[in-house]
Amino acid sequence: MTKNAIAITHVCFEDLGSLHQVLEQQGYHVTYIKAASVYLDRIDFLYPDLVIILGGPIGAYDESDYPFLKDELHIIEQRLAANLPTIG
């Protein structure tokens, strides 16, 4: 059975690196989402089996410059409250 993983990226040059292959070997289908280019609040992040939030030069307190961080922090809160696997 295929499991779903979503990786949220912040800069165009970042990806999961070797973790992508490991996840695929473990039966995951990996989808990348660019945090700044989609409406994160319109995606059901309780659905994926795994969510990975990648790093970058943006900090959690840079919300005034990067408004999508508010939605991203909400995603993390929801997943942790539901005890769902989340990395990042």
PDB file of N, CA and C in Angstrom:
ATOM      1  N   MET A   1       0.842  -1.186   0.000  1.00  0.00           N
ATOM      2  CA  MET A   1       0.000   0.000   0.000  1.00  0.00           C
ATOM      3  C   MET A   1       0.885   1.246   0.000  1.00  0.00           C
ATOM      4  N   THR A   2       0.607   2.153  -0.900  1.00  0.00           N
ATOM      5  CA  THR A   2       1.382   3.385  -0.998  1.00  0.00           C
ATOM      6  C   THR A   2       0.965   4.357   0.094  1.00  0.00           C
ATOM      7  N   LYS A   3       1.968   4.930   0.740  1.00  0.00           N
ATOM      8  CA  LYS A   3       1.744   5.974   1.736  1.00  0.00           C
ATOM      9  C   LYS A   3       2.096   7.311   1.094  1.00  0.00           C
ATOM     10  N   ASN A   4       1.495   8.367   1.604  1.00  0.00           N
ATOM     11  CA  ASN A   4       1.722   9.701   1.051  1.00  0.00           C
ATOM     12  C   ASN A   4       2.574  10.545   1.980  1.00  0.00           C
ATOM     13  N   ALA A   5       3.557  11.223   1.391  1.00  0.00           N
ATOM     14  CA  ALA A   5       4.382  12.179   2.124  1.00  0.00           C
ATOM     15  C   ALA A   5       4.360  13.500   1.372  1.00  0.00           C
ATOM     16  N   ILE A   6       4.231  14.576   2.115  1.00  0.00           N
ATOM     17  CA  ILE A   6       4.315  15.911   1.533  1.00  0.00           C
ATOM     18  C   ILE A   6       5.540  16.589   2.117  1.00  0.00           C
ATOM     19  N   ALA A   7       6.357  17.158   1.234  1.00  0.00           N
ATOM     20  CA  ALA A   7       7.518  17.941   1.647  1.00  0.00           C
ATOM     21  C   ALA A   7       7.260  19.397   1.277  1.00  0.00           C
ATOM     22  N   ILE A   8       7.277  20.266   2.275  1.00  0.00           N
ATOM     23  CA  ILE A   8       7.066  21.691   2.047  1.00  0.00           C
ATOM     24  C   ILE A   8       8.438  22.348   1.911  1.00  0.00           C
ATOM     25  N   THR A   9       8.646  23.024   0.774  1.00  0.00           N
ATOM     26  CA  THR A   9       9.927  23.673   0.519  1.00  0.00           C
ATOM     27  C   THR A   9       9.789  25.187   0.596  1.00  0.00           C
ATOM     28  N   HIS A  10      10.927  25.853   0.839  1.00  0.00           N
ATOM     29  CA  HIS A  10      10.932  27.313   0.964  1.00  0.00           C
ATOM     30  C   HIS A  10      11.809  28.002  -0.069  1.00  0.00           C
ATOM     31  N   VAL A  11      12.773  27.289  -0.609  1.00  0.00           N
ATOM     32  CA  VAL A  11      13.646  27.837  -1.646  1.00  0.00           C
ATOM     33  C   VAL A  11      13.750  26.823  -2.774  1.00  0.00           C
ATOM     34  N   CYS A  12      13.979  27.319  -3.984  1.00  0.00           N
ATOM     35  CA  CYS A  12      13.899  26.461  -5.174  1.00  0.00           C
ATOM     36  C   CYS A  12      14.962  25.373  -5.228  1.00  0.00           C
ATOM     37  N   PHE A  13      16.057  25.520  -4.522  1.00  0.00           N
ATOM     38  CA  PHE A  13      17.142  24.546  -4.630  1.00  0.00           C
ATOM     39  C   PHE A  13      17.111  23.462  -3.557  1.00  0.00           C
ATOM     40  N   GLU A  14      16.122  23.463  -2.694  1.00  0.00           N
ATOM     41  CA  GLU A  14      16.097  22.449  -1.639  1.00  0.00           C
ATOM     42  C   GLU A  14      15.141  21.319  -1.982  1.00  0.00           C
ATOM     43  N   ASP A  15      15.532  20.120  -1.565  1.00  0.00           N
ATOM     44  CA  ASP A  15      14.669  18.949  -1.678  1.00  0.00           C
ATOM     45  C   ASP A  15      15.044  17.987  -0.546  1.00  0.00           C
ATOM     46  N   LEU A  16      14.510  16.807  -0.578  1.00  0.00           N
ATOM     47  CA  LEU A  16      14.754  15.841   0.488  1.00  0.00           C
ATOM     48  C   LEU A  16      16.103  15.136   0.376  1.00  0.00           C
ATOM     49  N   GLY A  17      16.794  15.351  -0.716  1.00  0.00           N
ATOM     50  CA  GLY A  17      18.082  14.692  -0.890  1.00  0.00           C
ATOM     51  C   GLY A  17      17.927  13.180  -0.849  1.00  0.00           C
ATOM     52  N   SER A  18      18.820  12.508  -0.146  1.00  0.00           N
ATOM     53  CA  SER A  18      18.791  11.038  -0.088  1.00  0.00           C
ATOM     54  C   SER A  18      17.577  10.501   0.665  1.00  0.00           C
ATOM     55  N   LEU A  19      16.936  11.335   1.487  1.00  0.00           N
ATOM     56  CA  LEU A  19      15.736  10.894   2.201  1.00  0.00           C
ATOM     57  C   LEU A  19      14.602  10.568   1.233  1.00  0.00           C
ATOM     58  N   HIS A  20      14.555  11.250   0.093  1.00  0.00           N
ATOM     59  CA  HIS A  20      13.515  10.985  -0.907  1.00  0.00           C
ATOM     60  C   HIS A  20      13.564   9.518  -1.334  1.00  0.00           C
ATOM     61  N   GLN A  21      14.740   9.032  -1.655  1.00  0.00           N
ATOM     62  CA  GLN A  21      14.889   7.638  -2.088  1.00  0.00           C
ATOM     63  C   GLN A  21      14.526   6.671  -0.962  1.00  0.00           C
ATOM     64  N   VAL A  22      14.931   6.984   0.245  1.00  0.00           N
ATOM     65  CA  VAL A  22      14.610   6.125   1.392  1.00  0.00           C
ATOM     66  C   VAL A  22      13.098   6.042   1.574  1.00  0.00           C
ATOM     67  N   LEU A  23      12.416   7.174   1.479  1.00  0.00           N
ATOM     68  CA  LEU A  23      10.958   7.180   1.623  1.00  0.00           C
ATOM     69  C   LEU A  23      10.295   6.348   0.533  1.00  0.00           C
ATOM     70  N   GLU A  24      10.763   6.501  -0.702  1.00  0.00           N
ATOM     71  CA  GLU A  24      10.197   5.697  -1.794  1.00  0.00           C
ATOM     72  C   GLU A  24      10.423   4.209  -1.558  1.00  0.00           C
ATOM     73  N   GLN A  25      11.581   3.848  -1.048  1.00  0.00           N
ATOM     74  CA  GLN A  25      11.864   2.443  -0.750  1.00  0.00           C
ATOM     75  C   GLN A  25      10.948   1.913   0.351  1.00  0.00           C
ATOM     76  N   GLN A  26      10.473   2.803   1.208  1.00  0.00           N
ATOM     77  CA  GLN A  26       9.571   2.423   2.293  1.00  0.00           C
ATOM     78  C   GLN A  26       8.101   2.523   1.884  1.00  0.00           C
ATOM     79  N   GLY A  27       7.845   2.770   0.598  1.00  0.00           N
ATOM     80  CA  GLY A  27       6.478   2.764   0.091  1.00  0.00           C
ATOM     81  C   GLY A  27       5.773   4.101   0.070  1.00  0.00           C
ATOM     82  N   TYR A  28       6.515   5.198   0.186  1.00  0.00           N
ATOM     83  CA  TYR A  28       5.911   6.530   0.167  1.00  0.00           C
ATOM     84  C   TYR A  28       5.916   7.122  -1.237  1.00  0.00           C
ATOM     85  N   HIS A  29       4.838   7.808  -1.579  1.00  0.00           N
ATOM     86  CA  HIS A  29       4.800   8.676  -2.752  1.00  0.00           C
ATOM     87  C   HIS A  29       5.041  10.083  -2.216  1.00  0.00           C
ATOM     88  N   VAL A  30       6.086  10.741  -2.695  1.00  0.00           N
ATOM     89  CA  VAL A  30       6.472  12.056  -2.179  1.00  0.00           C
ATOM     90  C   VAL A  30       5.989  13.158  -3.119  1.00  0.00           C
ATOM     91  N   THR A  31       5.314  14.152  -2.542  1.00  0.00           N
ATOM     92  CA  THR A  31       4.870  15.332  -3.276  1.00  0.00           C
ATOM     93  C   THR A  31       5.532  16.554  -2.659  1.00  0.00           C
ATOM     94  N   TYR A  32       6.098  17.401  -3.508  1.00  0.00           N
ATOM     95  CA  TYR A  32       6.703  18.647  -3.044  1.00  0.00           C
ATOM     96  C   TYR A  32       5.708  19.789  -3.211  1.00  0.00           C
ATOM     97  N   ILE A  33       5.657  20.658  -2.205  1.00  0.00           N
ATOM     98  CA  ILE A  33       4.816  21.850  -2.256  1.00  0.00           C
ATOM     99  C   ILE A  33       5.694  23.048  -1.919  1.00  0.00           C
ATOM    100  N   LYS A  34       5.658  24.058  -2.774  1.00  0.00           N
ATOM    101  CA  LYS A  34       6.399  25.291  -2.516  1.00  0.00           C
ATOM    102  C   LYS A  34       5.546  26.173  -1.616  1.00  0.00           C
ATOM    103  N   ALA A  35       6.033  26.425  -0.419  1.00  0.00           N
ATOM    104  CA  ALA A  35       5.236  27.125   0.588  1.00  0.00           C
ATOM    105  C   ALA A  35       4.721  28.476   0.114  1.00  0.00           C
ATOM    106  N   ALA A  36       5.522  29.212  -0.599  1.00  0.00           N
ATOM    107  CA  ALA A  36       5.132  30.566  -0.998  1.00  0.00           C
ATOM    108  C   ALA A  36       4.254  30.601  -2.241  1.00  0.00           C
ATOM    109  N   SER A  37       4.091  29.473  -2.923  1.00  0.00           N
ATOM    110  CA  SER A  37       3.363  29.512  -4.194  1.00  0.00           C
ATOM    111  C   SER A  37       1.978  28.877  -4.153  1.00  0.00           C
ATOM    112  N   VAL A  38       1.556  28.409  -2.995  1.00  0.00           N
ATOM    113  CA  VAL A  38       0.223  27.811  -2.870  1.00  0.00           C
ATOM    114  C   VAL A  38      -0.468  28.376  -1.632  1.00  0.00           C
ATOM    115  N   TYR A  39      -1.766  28.150  -1.568  1.00  0.00           N
ATOM    116  CA  TYR A  39      -2.519  28.528  -0.375  1.00  0.00           C
ATOM    117  C   TYR A  39      -2.524  27.331   0.564  1.00  0.00           C
ATOM    118  N   LEU A  40      -1.616  27.340   1.521  1.00  0.00           N
ATOM    119  CA  LEU A  40      -1.467  26.198   2.422  1.00  0.00           C
ATOM    120  C   LEU A  40      -2.734  25.920   3.213  1.00  0.00           C
ATOM    121  N   ASP A  41      -3.528  26.966   3.482  1.00  0.00           N
ATOM    122  CA  ASP A  41      -4.741  26.778   4.275  1.00  0.00           C
ATOM    123  C   ASP A  41      -5.831  26.026   3.515  1.00  0.00           C
ATOM    124  N   ARG A  42      -5.636  25.797   2.226  1.00  0.00           N
ATOM    125  CA  ARG A  42      -6.630  25.070   1.419  1.00  0.00           C
ATOM    126  C   ARG A  42      -6.299  23.589   1.266  1.00  0.00           C
ATOM    127  N   ILE A  43      -5.212  23.156   1.856  1.00  0.00           N
ATOM    128  CA  ILE A  43      -4.785  21.762   1.736  1.00  0.00           C
ATOM    129  C   ILE A  43      -5.037  21.054   3.061  1.00  0.00           C
ATOM    130  N   ASP A  44      -5.574  19.856   2.997  1.00  0.00           N
ATOM    131  CA  ASP A  44      -5.814  19.057   4.202  1.00  0.00           C
ATOM    132  C   ASP A  44      -4.526  18.345   4.585  1.00  0.00           C
ATOM    133  N   PHE A  45      -3.792  18.920   5.509  1.00  0.00           N
ATOM    134  CA  PHE A  45      -2.520  18.347   5.928  1.00  0.00           C
ATOM    135  C   PHE A  45      -2.678  17.259   6.982  1.00  0.00           C
ATOM    136  N   LEU A  46      -3.908  16.915   7.333  1.00  0.00           N
ATOM    137  CA  LEU A  46      -4.129  15.764   8.208  1.00  0.00           C
ATOM    138  C   LEU A  46      -4.216  14.480   7.394  1.00  0.00           C
ATOM    139  N   TYR A  47      -4.329  14.603   6.081  1.00  0.00           N
ATOM    140  CA  TYR A  47      -4.448  13.444   5.199  1.00  0.00           C
ATOM    141  C   TYR A  47      -3.128  12.703   4.970  1.00  0.00           C
ATOM    142  N   PRO A  48      -2.011  13.398   4.686  1.00  0.00           N
ATOM    143  CA  PRO A  48      -0.781  12.662   4.382  1.00  0.00           C
ATOM    144  C   PRO A  48      -0.298  11.837   5.571  1.00  0.00           C
ATOM    145  N   ASP A  49       0.332  10.729   5.252  1.00  0.00           N
ATOM    146  CA  ASP A  49       0.905   9.887   6.301  1.00  0.00           C
ATOM    147  C   ASP A  49       2.101  10.562   6.961  1.00  0.00           C
ATOM    148  N   LEU A  50       2.782  11.423   6.219  1.00  0.00           N
ATOM    149  CA  LEU A  50       3.976  12.105   6.719  1.00  0.00           C
ATOM    150  C   LEU A  50       4.057  13.485   6.089  1.00  0.00           C
ATOM    151  N   VAL A  51       4.386  14.492   6.899  1.00  0.00           N
ATOM    152  CA  VAL A  51       4.656  15.833   6.393  1.00  0.00           C
ATOM    153  C   VAL A  51       6.059  16.219   6.842  1.00  0.00           C
ATOM    154  N   ILE A  52       6.834  16.728   5.881  1.00  0.00           N
ATOM    155  CA  ILE A  52       8.198  17.167   6.163  1.00  0.00           C
ATOM    156  C   ILE A  52       8.297  18.635   5.775  1.00  0.00           C
ATOM    157  N   ILE A  53       8.710  19.473   6.724  1.00  0.00           N
ATOM    158  CA  ILE A  53       8.888  20.887   6.455  1.00  0.00           C
ATOM    159  C   ILE A  53      10.387  21.130   6.375  1.00  0.00           C
ATOM    160  N   LEU A  54      10.844  21.451   5.170  1.00  0.00           N
ATOM    161  CA  LEU A  54      12.271  21.659   4.970  1.00  0.00           C
ATOM    162  C   LEU A  54      12.692  23.036   5.460  1.00  0.00           C
ATOM    163  N   GLY A  55      13.970  23.177   5.724  1.00  0.00           N
ATOM    164  CA  GLY A  55      14.519  24.433   6.226  1.00  0.00           C
ATOM    165  C   GLY A  55      14.776  25.431   5.119  1.00  0.00           C
ATOM    166  N   GLY A  56      15.558  26.413   5.444  1.00  0.00           N
ATOM    167  CA  GLY A  56      15.902  27.451   4.490  1.00  0.00           C
ATOM    168  C   GLY A  56      16.299  28.706   5.242  1.00  0.00           C
ATOM    169  N   PRO A  57      16.479  29.793   4.533  1.00  0.00           N
ATOM    170  CA  PRO A  57      16.912  31.035   5.172  1.00  0.00           C
ATOM    171  C   PRO A  57      15.789  31.779   5.897  1.00  0.00           C
ATOM    172  N   ILE A  58      14.599  31.218   5.911  1.00  0.00           N
ATOM    173  CA  ILE A  58      13.440  31.854   6.533  1.00  0.00           C
ATOM    174  C   ILE A  58      13.272  31.310   7.948  1.00  0.00           C
ATOM    175  N   GLY A  59      13.074  32.200   8.914  1.00  0.00           N
ATOM    176  CA  GLY A  59      12.875  31.786  10.294  1.00  0.00           C
ATOM    177  C   GLY A  59      11.410  31.845  10.693  1.00  0.00           C
ATOM    178  N   ALA A  60      11.067  31.134  11.738  1.00  0.00           N
ATOM    179  CA  ALA A  60       9.681  31.060  12.208  1.00  0.00           C
ATOM    180  C   ALA A  60       9.134  32.424  12.622  1.00  0.00           C
ATOM    181  N   TYR A  61      10.017  33.370  12.935  1.00  0.00           N
ATOM    182  CA  TYR A  61       9.564  34.687  13.383  1.00  0.00           C
ATOM    183  C   TYR A  61       9.588  35.731  12.263  1.00  0.00           C
ATOM    184  N   ASP A  62       9.735  35.288  11.025  1.00  0.00           N
ATOM    185  CA  ASP A  62       9.749  36.185   9.868  1.00  0.00           C
ATOM    186  C   ASP A  62       8.370  36.314   9.225  1.00  0.00           C
ATOM    187  N   GLU A  63       7.334  36.137  10.012  1.00  0.00           N
ATOM    188  CA  GLU A  63       5.961  36.113   9.501  1.00  0.00           C
ATOM    189  C   GLU A  63       5.561  37.401   8.778  1.00  0.00           C
ATOM    190  N   SER A  64       6.076  38.535   9.222  1.00  0.00           N
ATOM    191  CA  SER A  64       5.702  39.792   8.558  1.00  0.00           C
ATOM    192  C   SER A  64       6.233  39.845   7.123  1.00  0.00           C
ATOM    193  N   ASP A  65       7.366  39.219   6.874  1.00  0.00           N
ATOM    194  CA  ASP A  65       7.927  39.174   5.521  1.00  0.00           C
ATOM    195  C   ASP A  65       7.397  37.997   4.709  1.00  0.00           C
ATOM    196  N   TYR A  66       6.994  36.942   5.396  1.00  0.00           N
ATOM    197  CA  TYR A  66       6.539  35.712   4.740  1.00  0.00           C
ATOM    198  C   TYR A  66       5.217  35.265   5.367  1.00  0.00           C
ATOM    199  N   PRO A  67       4.095  35.836   4.934  1.00  0.00           N
ATOM    200  CA  PRO A  67       2.791  35.568   5.561  1.00  0.00           C
ATOM    201  C   PRO A  67       2.383  34.096   5.578  1.00  0.00           C
ATOM    202  N   PHE A  68       2.906  33.283   4.654  1.00  0.00           N
ATOM    203  CA  PHE A  68       2.544  31.866   4.628  1.00  0.00           C
ATOM    204  C   PHE A  68       3.031  31.120   5.866  1.00  0.00           C
ATOM    205  N   LEU A  69       3.957  31.710   6.625  1.00  0.00           N
ATOM    206  CA  LEU A  69       4.460  31.040   7.826  1.00  0.00           C
ATOM    207  C   LEU A  69       3.359  30.818   8.860  1.00  0.00           C
ATOM    208  N   LYS A  70       2.380  31.721   8.912  1.00  0.00           N
ATOM    209  CA  LYS A  70       1.262  31.552   9.849  1.00  0.00           C
ATOM    210  C   LYS A  70       0.530  30.245   9.556  1.00  0.00           C
ATOM    211  N   ASP A  71       0.234  29.997   8.278  1.00  0.00           N
ATOM    212  CA  ASP A  71      -0.439  28.751   7.892  1.00  0.00           C
ATOM    213  C   ASP A  71       0.456  27.543   8.151  1.00  0.00           C
ATOM    214  N   GLU A  72       1.730  27.707   7.901  1.00  0.00           N
ATOM    215  CA  GLU A  72       2.667  26.603   8.105  1.00  0.00           C
ATOM    216  C   GLU A  72       2.751  26.210   9.588  1.00  0.00           C
ATOM    217  N   LEU A  73       2.808  27.191  10.456  1.00  0.00           N
ATOM    218  CA  LEU A  73       2.828  26.899  11.890  1.00  0.00           C
ATOM    219  C   LEU A  73       1.526  26.234  12.327  1.00  0.00           C
ATOM    220  N   HIS A  74       0.418  26.644  11.726  1.00  0.00           N
ATOM    221  CA  HIS A  74      -0.875  26.021  12.029  1.00  0.00           C
ATOM    222  C   HIS A  74      -0.882  24.551  11.599  1.00  0.00           C
ATOM    223  N   ILE A  75      -0.292  24.265  10.455  1.00  0.00           N
ATOM    224  CA  ILE A  75      -0.185  22.878   9.978  1.00  0.00           C
ATOM    225  C   ILE A  75       0.571  22.035  11.000  1.00  0.00           C
ATOM    226  N   ILE A  76       1.680  22.558  11.468  1.00  0.00           N
ATOM    227  CA  ILE A  76       2.488  21.827  12.450  1.00  0.00           C
ATOM    228  C   ILE A  76       1.683  21.592  13.720  1.00  0.00           C
ATOM    229  N   GLU A  77       0.992  22.622  14.203  1.00  0.00           N
ATOM    230  CA  GLU A  77       0.165  22.486  15.407  1.00  0.00           C
ATOM    231  C   GLU A  77      -0.902  21.413  15.231  1.00  0.00           C
ATOM    232  N   GLN A  78      -1.594  21.426  14.076  1.00  0.00           N
ATOM    233  CA  GLN A  78      -2.647  20.437  13.810  1.00  0.00           C
ATOM    234  C   GLN A  78      -2.091  19.017  13.810  1.00  0.00           C
ATOM    235  N   ARG A  79      -0.994  18.827  13.130  1.00  0.00           N
ATOM    236  CA  ARG A  79      -0.424  17.482  13.015  1.00  0.00           C
ATOM    237  C   ARG A  79       0.081  16.984  14.363  1.00  0.00           C
ATOM    238  N   LEU A  80       0.712  17.848  15.132  1.00  0.00           N
ATOM    239  CA  LEU A  80       1.188  17.432  16.451  1.00  0.00           C
ATOM    240  C   LEU A  80       0.018  17.103  17.372  1.00  0.00           C
ATOM    241  N   ALA A  81      -1.046  17.902  17.314  1.00  0.00           N
ATOM    242  CA  ALA A  81      -2.227  17.640  18.136  1.00  0.00           C
ATOM    243  C   ALA A  81      -2.876  16.311  17.770  1.00  0.00           C
ATOM    244  N   ALA A  82      -2.790  15.939  16.486  1.00  0.00           N
ATOM    245  CA  ALA A  82      -3.365  14.670  16.019  1.00  0.00           C
ATOM    246  C   ALA A  82      -2.371  13.516  16.129  1.00  0.00           C
ATOM    247  N   ASN A  83      -1.191  13.807  16.675  1.00  0.00           N
ATOM    248  CA  ASN A  83      -0.141  12.795  16.853  1.00  0.00           C
ATOM    249  C   ASN A  83       0.243  12.133  15.524  1.00  0.00           C
ATOM    250  N   LEU A  84       0.364  12.958  14.473  1.00  0.00           N
ATOM    251  CA  LEU A  84       0.722  12.466  13.147  1.00  0.00           C
ATOM    252  C   LEU A  84       2.203  12.725  12.874  1.00  0.00           C
ATOM    253  N   PRO A  85       2.864  11.825  12.177  1.00  0.00           N
ATOM    254  CA  PRO A  85       4.294  11.981  11.896  1.00  0.00           C
ATOM    255  C   PRO A  85       4.591  13.266  11.120  1.00  0.00           C
ATOM    256  N   THR A  86       5.454  14.076  11.708  1.00  0.00           N
ATOM    257  CA  THR A  86       5.812  15.367  11.137  1.00  0.00           C
ATOM    258  C   THR A  86       7.288  15.615  11.416  1.00  0.00           C
ATOM    259  N   ILE A  87       8.017  15.985  10.380  1.00  0.00           N
ATOM    260  CA  ILE A  87       9.443  16.275  10.530  1.00  0.00           C
ATOM    261  C   ILE A  87       9.671  17.714  10.091  1.00  0.00           C
ATOM    262  N   GLY A  88      10.435  18.447  10.878  1.00  0.00           N
ATOM    263  CA  GLY A  88      10.802  19.806  10.465  1.00  0.00           C
ATOM    264  C   GLY A  88      10.536  20.825  11.524  1.00  0.00           C
TER     265      GLY A  88
END
